[in-house]
């Protein structure tokens, strides 16, 4: 089969296929590179688009779900007709995640989403636009340390929620400026019930970011921002117990670990007394 592909599509065989990192943790992202003729890639039933880049290659970002099965898995490159033109094995690494209890008041527990709130956030997460604005590495939205990391299993008032923390909580003071982690187009500027003051940015080619609990905004929907531009100000709106910034990074519809993209140190007191480390069985 491999010989037949090389005879029929010689350009595919002369170009380089690469997935980096070759070993990826649960909740992280593979940078998938191939020749222009490779138009998509597939892993664990998820197919992503590969976009032509200025260097002549095609690039796509493959998110690995936080609950993905660890082990060696086949990554398939597909042509425009959906035919497999190359396959390589990548290793998914098990990542230990902690449990964390958050104490909420009755009013916060009883908060309900505003009309269209969940749908708007979901639509942003699924956005895959053609133009690429982002350049690595990303910059931190705040100078503050990480209070709560990505991936912790959340309990509310001691009761499991069945969900995990999909982003980072960073320490911040009321009114402190929040900066865009990368260039992009602002798609969402809304005051929501659960998410509070929310700004969502489309960074292109499947990458989006969202910033929650803001006190007020510094941008409007449709604006183009550069990395580091001020987009809003720290607050404690929505389901929040104190001023801080919760922000997510989404890649092709999946919330992934931002610390693969940006360097932020954990707070010395970030591990609460009622948290415990637990090895993921995912």
Protein backbone atom coordinates (compact mmCIF):
# COMPACT_ATOMS: atom_id res chain seq x y z
CA UNK A 1 0.00 0.00 0.00
CA UNK A 2 2.80 2.45 0.92
CA UNK A 3 4.59 1.69 -2.40
CA UNK A 4 1.37 2.26 -4.33
CA UNK A 5 0.86 5.66 -2.67
CA UNK A 6 4.43 6.69 -3.56
CA UNK A 7 3.87 5.71 -7.21
CA UNK A 8 0.54 7.53 -7.49
CA UNK A 9 1.36 10.59 -5.35
CA UNK A 10 5.16 11.08 -5.42
CA UNK A 11 5.04 14.58 -3.91
CA UNK A 12 3.48 13.18 -0.76
CA UNK A 13 6.34 10.74 -0.30
CA UNK A 14 9.10 13.30 -0.87
CA UNK A 15 7.65 15.78 1.64
CA UNK A 16 8.09 15.43 5.38
CA UNK A 17 5.37 14.31 7.74
CA UNK A 18 5.88 15.21 11.38
CA UNK A 19 3.92 15.33 14.64
CA UNK A 20 5.35 17.27 17.56
CA UNK A 21 5.74 16.49 20.35
CA UNK A 22 5.84 12.80 19.48
CA UNK A 23 4.73 12.02 23.03
CA UNK A 24 1.81 14.20 24.10
CA UNK A 25 0.03 14.42 27.43
CA UNK A 26 -3.69 14.16 28.00
CA UNK A 27 -5.14 17.64 27.50
CA UNK A 28 -2.29 18.81 25.25
CA UNK A 29 -1.88 19.50 21.53
CA UNK A 30 0.01 17.88 18.65
CA UNK A 31 1.42 20.15 15.93
CA UNK A 32 0.76 18.09 12.80
CA UNK A 33 2.84 19.00 9.72
CA UNK A 34 2.69 17.55 6.22
CA UNK A 35 2.93 18.44 2.54
CA UNK A 36 0.32 20.67 0.92
CA UNK A 37 -1.46 17.63 -0.52
CA UNK A 38 -2.22 16.35 2.97
CA UNK A 39 -5.37 18.31 3.80
CA UNK A 40 -6.46 16.78 7.11
CA UNK A 41 -5.35 14.48 9.90
CA UNK A 42 -7.18 11.98 12.10
CA UNK A 43 -6.50 10.70 15.61
CA UNK A 44 -8.84 8.70 17.88
CA UNK A 45 -11.80 9.47 15.61
CA UNK A 46 -11.17 13.23 15.54
CA UNK A 47 -10.36 14.83 12.17
CA UNK A 48 -8.74 18.27 11.90
CA UNK A 49 -7.97 20.46 8.92
CA UNK A 50 -4.38 21.16 7.83
CA UNK A 51 -3.81 24.73 6.64
CA UNK A 52 -1.16 25.86 4.09
CA UNK A 53 1.61 27.83 5.78
CA UNK A 54 4.05 30.39 4.41
CA UNK A 55 6.91 27.85 4.37
CA UNK A 56 5.13 25.62 1.88
CA UNK A 57 3.99 22.97 4.36
CA UNK A 58 0.55 22.36 5.84
CA UNK A 59 -0.07 22.58 9.58
CA UNK A 60 -2.91 21.55 11.83
CA UNK A 61 -3.37 21.37 15.59
CA UNK A 62 -4.65 18.07 16.98
CA UNK A 63 -6.09 18.37 20.49
CA UNK A 64 -5.87 15.35 22.77
CA UNK A 65 -8.88 15.05 25.06
CA UNK A 66 -8.18 15.04 28.78
CA UNK A 67 -9.93 11.66 28.92
CA UNK A 68 -8.03 10.18 25.94
CA UNK A 69 -6.78 6.63 26.41
CA UNK A 70 -3.02 6.54 27.05
CA UNK A 71 -0.70 4.50 24.81
CA UNK A 72 0.51 4.37 21.20
CA UNK A 73 -2.12 5.55 18.73
CA UNK A 74 -2.12 5.87 14.90
CA UNK A 75 -2.12 9.41 13.51
CA UNK A 76 -3.41 9.37 9.94
CA UNK A 77 -2.82 12.01 7.25
CA UNK A 78 -5.60 12.30 4.65
CA UNK A 79 -5.77 13.79 1.16
CA UNK A 80 -8.65 15.83 -0.24
CA UNK A 81 -10.66 12.68 -0.94
CA UNK A 82 -10.23 11.36 2.58
CA UNK A 83 -7.69 8.70 1.60
CA UNK A 84 -4.96 7.83 4.09
CA UNK A 85 -1.60 8.84 2.59
CA UNK A 86 0.59 8.44 5.66
CA UNK A 87 0.33 6.94 9.14
CA UNK A 88 2.63 7.26 12.13
CA UNK A 89 2.36 6.28 15.76
CA UNK A 90 2.19 8.90 18.50
CA UNK A 91 2.22 8.24 22.23
CA UNK A 92 -0.42 9.68 24.55
CA UNK A 93 0.95 10.08 28.06
CA UNK A 94 -1.14 9.69 31.19
CA UNK A 95 -1.23 12.92 33.22
CA UNK A 96 -2.01 13.06 36.96
CA UNK A 97 -4.71 15.56 37.85
CA UNK A 98 -5.80 16.76 41.27
CA UNK A 99 -9.15 17.22 42.93
CA UNK A 100 -10.10 20.67 44.18
CA UNK A 101 -13.05 21.78 46.26
CA UNK A 102 -14.56 25.23 45.70
CA UNK A 103 -16.87 26.70 48.33
CA UNK A 104 -19.80 28.55 46.79
CA UNK A 105 -22.63 30.50 48.40
CA UNK A 106 -26.27 29.66 47.79
CA UNK A 107 -26.71 32.47 45.25
CA UNK A 108 -23.73 31.24 43.20
CA UNK A 109 -24.90 27.63 43.29
CA UNK A 110 -28.34 28.66 42.04
CA UNK A 111 -27.06 30.82 39.17
CA UNK A 112 -28.54 29.84 35.81
CA UNK A 113 -27.02 30.62 32.39
CA UNK A 114 -28.31 33.70 30.61
CA UNK A 115 -30.29 33.08 27.40
CA UNK A 116 -27.80 32.07 24.71
CA UNK A 117 -24.84 32.04 27.13
CA UNK A 118 -23.80 28.41 26.72
CA UNK A 119 -24.55 28.45 22.99
CA UNK A 120 -22.35 31.53 22.45
CA UNK A 121 -19.42 30.01 24.33
CA UNK A 122 -19.85 26.71 22.48
CA UNK A 123 -19.90 28.47 19.09
CA UNK A 124 -16.67 30.30 19.92
CA UNK A 125 -15.01 27.03 20.91
CA UNK A 126 -15.97 25.46 17.57
CA UNK A 127 -14.69 28.39 15.47
CA UNK A 128 -12.14 27.39 12.81
CA UNK A 129 -11.27 30.34 10.57
CA UNK A 130 -8.82 30.23 7.68
CA UNK A 131 -6.49 33.14 8.53
CA UNK A 132 -3.80 32.49 11.12
CA UNK A 133 -3.08 35.32 13.56
CA UNK A 134 -1.28 33.44 16.35
CA UNK A 135 2.48 33.09 16.77
CA UNK A 136 4.13 31.00 19.46
CA UNK A 137 4.94 31.42 22.27
CA UNK A 138 1.85 33.10 23.68
CA UNK A 139 2.07 35.79 26.35
CA UNK A 140 0.37 35.64 29.75
CA UNK A 141 -2.84 37.67 30.09
CA UNK A 142 -1.81 38.73 33.61
CA UNK A 143 1.48 38.79 35.53
CA UNK A 144 -0.22 36.92 38.41
CA UNK A 145 0.59 33.33 39.31
CA UNK A 146 -1.72 30.33 38.76
CA UNK A 147 -4.20 29.80 41.60
CA UNK A 148 -5.94 26.81 40.03
CA UNK A 149 -4.40 24.81 37.16
CA UNK A 150 -5.96 23.17 34.14
CA UNK A 151 -7.36 19.69 34.59
CA UNK A 152 -8.26 19.59 38.29
CA UNK A 153 -11.45 17.68 39.05
CA UNK A 154 -13.85 20.18 40.52
CA UNK A 155 -16.00 19.70 43.60
CA UNK A 156 -18.49 22.37 44.65
CA UNK A 157 -19.06 22.45 48.40
CA UNK A 158 -17.58 18.97 48.65
CA UNK A 159 -19.81 17.46 45.94
CA UNK A 160 -18.31 16.19 42.65
CA UNK A 161 -19.45 18.22 39.65
CA UNK A 162 -18.49 15.59 37.09
CA UNK A 163 -16.36 18.17 35.29
CA UNK A 164 -12.78 19.37 35.29
CA UNK A 165 -11.22 22.82 35.29
CA UNK A 166 -10.98 23.69 31.62
CA UNK A 167 -8.55 26.60 31.95
CA UNK A 168 -6.32 28.50 34.33
CA UNK A 169 -7.24 30.75 37.25
CA UNK A 170 -4.68 33.53 37.67
CA UNK A 171 -4.27 35.82 40.64
CA UNK A 172 -5.34 39.38 39.89
CA UNK A 173 -6.63 42.49 41.61
CA UNK A 174 -9.91 44.25 40.90
CA UNK A 175 -9.52 46.47 37.84
CA UNK A 176 -6.15 45.07 36.74
CA UNK A 177 -5.73 45.09 32.91
CA UNK A 178 -6.13 41.78 31.06
CA UNK A 179 -4.07 41.25 27.90
CA UNK A 180 -4.73 39.15 24.77
CA UNK A 181 -2.45 36.09 24.79
CA UNK A 182 -2.07 36.30 20.99
CA UNK A 183 -3.31 38.32 18.03
CA UNK A 184 -6.79 37.69 16.70
CA UNK A 185 -10.33 38.92 16.11
CA UNK A 186 -12.63 39.58 19.07
CA UNK A 187 -15.77 37.47 18.59
CA UNK A 188 -17.48 37.74 21.99
CA UNK A 189 -17.87 40.67 24.41
CA UNK A 190 -20.76 39.88 26.76
CA UNK A 191 -21.81 40.07 30.40
CA UNK A 192 -23.12 36.60 31.26
CA UNK A 193 -24.66 35.07 34.39
CA UNK A 194 -22.25 32.14 34.89
CA UNK A 195 -19.16 33.29 32.99
CA UNK A 196 -19.54 36.92 34.06
CA UNK A 197 -17.81 39.55 31.95
CA UNK A 198 -16.55 37.53 28.98
CA UNK A 199 -14.24 38.27 26.05
CA UNK A 200 -13.60 35.62 23.39
CA UNK A 201 -10.91 35.89 20.72
CA UNK A 202 -10.51 33.92 17.48
CA UNK A 203 -6.77 33.47 16.82
CA UNK A 204 -7.33 31.58 13.58
CA UNK A 205 -6.97 28.05 12.23
CA UNK A 206 -8.80 26.47 15.15
CA UNK A 207 -7.31 28.39 18.10
CA UNK A 208 -9.54 30.50 20.36
CA UNK A 209 -9.22 31.96 23.86
CA UNK A 210 -11.81 33.17 26.35
CA UNK A 211 -11.43 35.37 29.45
CA UNK A 212 -14.06 35.31 32.20
CA UNK A 213 -15.35 37.17 35.31
CA UNK A 214 -14.25 40.60 34.03
CA UNK A 215 -15.42 43.79 35.72
CA UNK A 216 -15.53 45.78 32.46
CA UNK A 217 -14.36 45.60 28.85
CA UNK A 218 -11.76 47.41 26.75
CA UNK A 219 -12.73 46.01 23.32
CA UNK A 220 -15.77 45.52 21.13
CA UNK A 221 -16.90 42.54 19.06
CA UNK A 222 -15.28 42.56 15.63
CA UNK A 223 -12.13 44.38 16.76
CA UNK A 224 -8.71 43.08 15.71
CA UNK A 225 -6.19 42.87 18.55
CA UNK A 226 -2.47 42.27 18.77
CA UNK A 227 -0.74 40.07 21.32
CA UNK A 228 -0.58 42.01 24.59
CA UNK A 229 -3.42 44.43 23.83
CA UNK A 230 -5.69 45.23 26.79
CA UNK A 231 -9.08 43.56 26.33
CA UNK A 232 -10.69 44.09 29.75
CA UNK A 233 -10.19 44.34 33.49
CA UNK A 234 -10.13 41.80 36.32
CA UNK A 235 -13.34 41.41 38.31
CA UNK A 236 -15.46 38.89 40.17
CA UNK A 237 -18.60 38.74 38.04
CA UNK A 238 -20.61 35.59 37.35
CA UNK A 239 -19.84 32.43 39.34
CA UNK A 240 -16.75 33.77 41.09
CA UNK A 241 -15.77 33.96 44.76
CA UNK A 242 -13.12 36.73 44.49
CA UNK A 243 -11.39 38.90 41.86
CA UNK A 244 -9.27 36.75 39.54
CA UNK A 245 -9.00 35.78 35.89
CA UNK A 246 -10.19 32.46 34.56
CA UNK A 247 -9.13 31.93 30.95
CA UNK A 248 -9.32 29.02 28.54
CA UNK A 249 -7.44 28.06 25.41
CA UNK A 250 -9.43 26.00 22.91
CA UNK A 251 -7.99 24.13 19.93
CA UNK A 252 -10.35 22.72 17.31
CA UNK A 253 -13.22 22.59 19.79
CA UNK A 254 -11.33 21.17 22.78
CA UNK A 255 -10.22 23.05 25.89
CA UNK A 256 -6.49 22.30 26.25
CA UNK A 257 -3.77 23.04 28.78
CA UNK A 258 -2.61 26.65 28.25
CA UNK A 259 0.71 25.89 29.97
CA UNK A 260 1.82 24.10 26.80
CA UNK A 261 1.62 27.51 25.11
CA UNK A 262 2.54 30.06 27.76
CA UNK A 263 4.80 30.05 30.80
CA UNK A 264 3.11 31.03 34.09
CA UNK A 265 4.31 30.02 37.54
CA UNK A 266 2.00 28.43 40.14
CA UNK A 267 1.26 30.41 43.28
CA UNK A 268 3.11 29.23 46.35
CA UNK A 269 -0.24 28.83 48.11
CA UNK A 270 -2.09 27.47 45.07
CA UNK A 271 -2.64 24.01 46.56
CA UNK A 272 -5.64 24.29 48.90
CA UNK A 273 -5.76 22.23 52.08
CA UNK A 274 -8.71 20.18 50.86
CA UNK A 275 -7.11 19.26 47.53
CA UNK A 276 -5.43 15.95 46.90
CA UNK A 277 -3.35 14.56 44.07
CA UNK A 278 -5.01 11.77 42.17
CA UNK A 279 -3.58 9.83 39.26
CA UNK A 280 -5.92 9.97 36.31
CA UNK A 281 -7.40 6.63 35.24
CA UNK A 282 -8.44 8.11 31.92
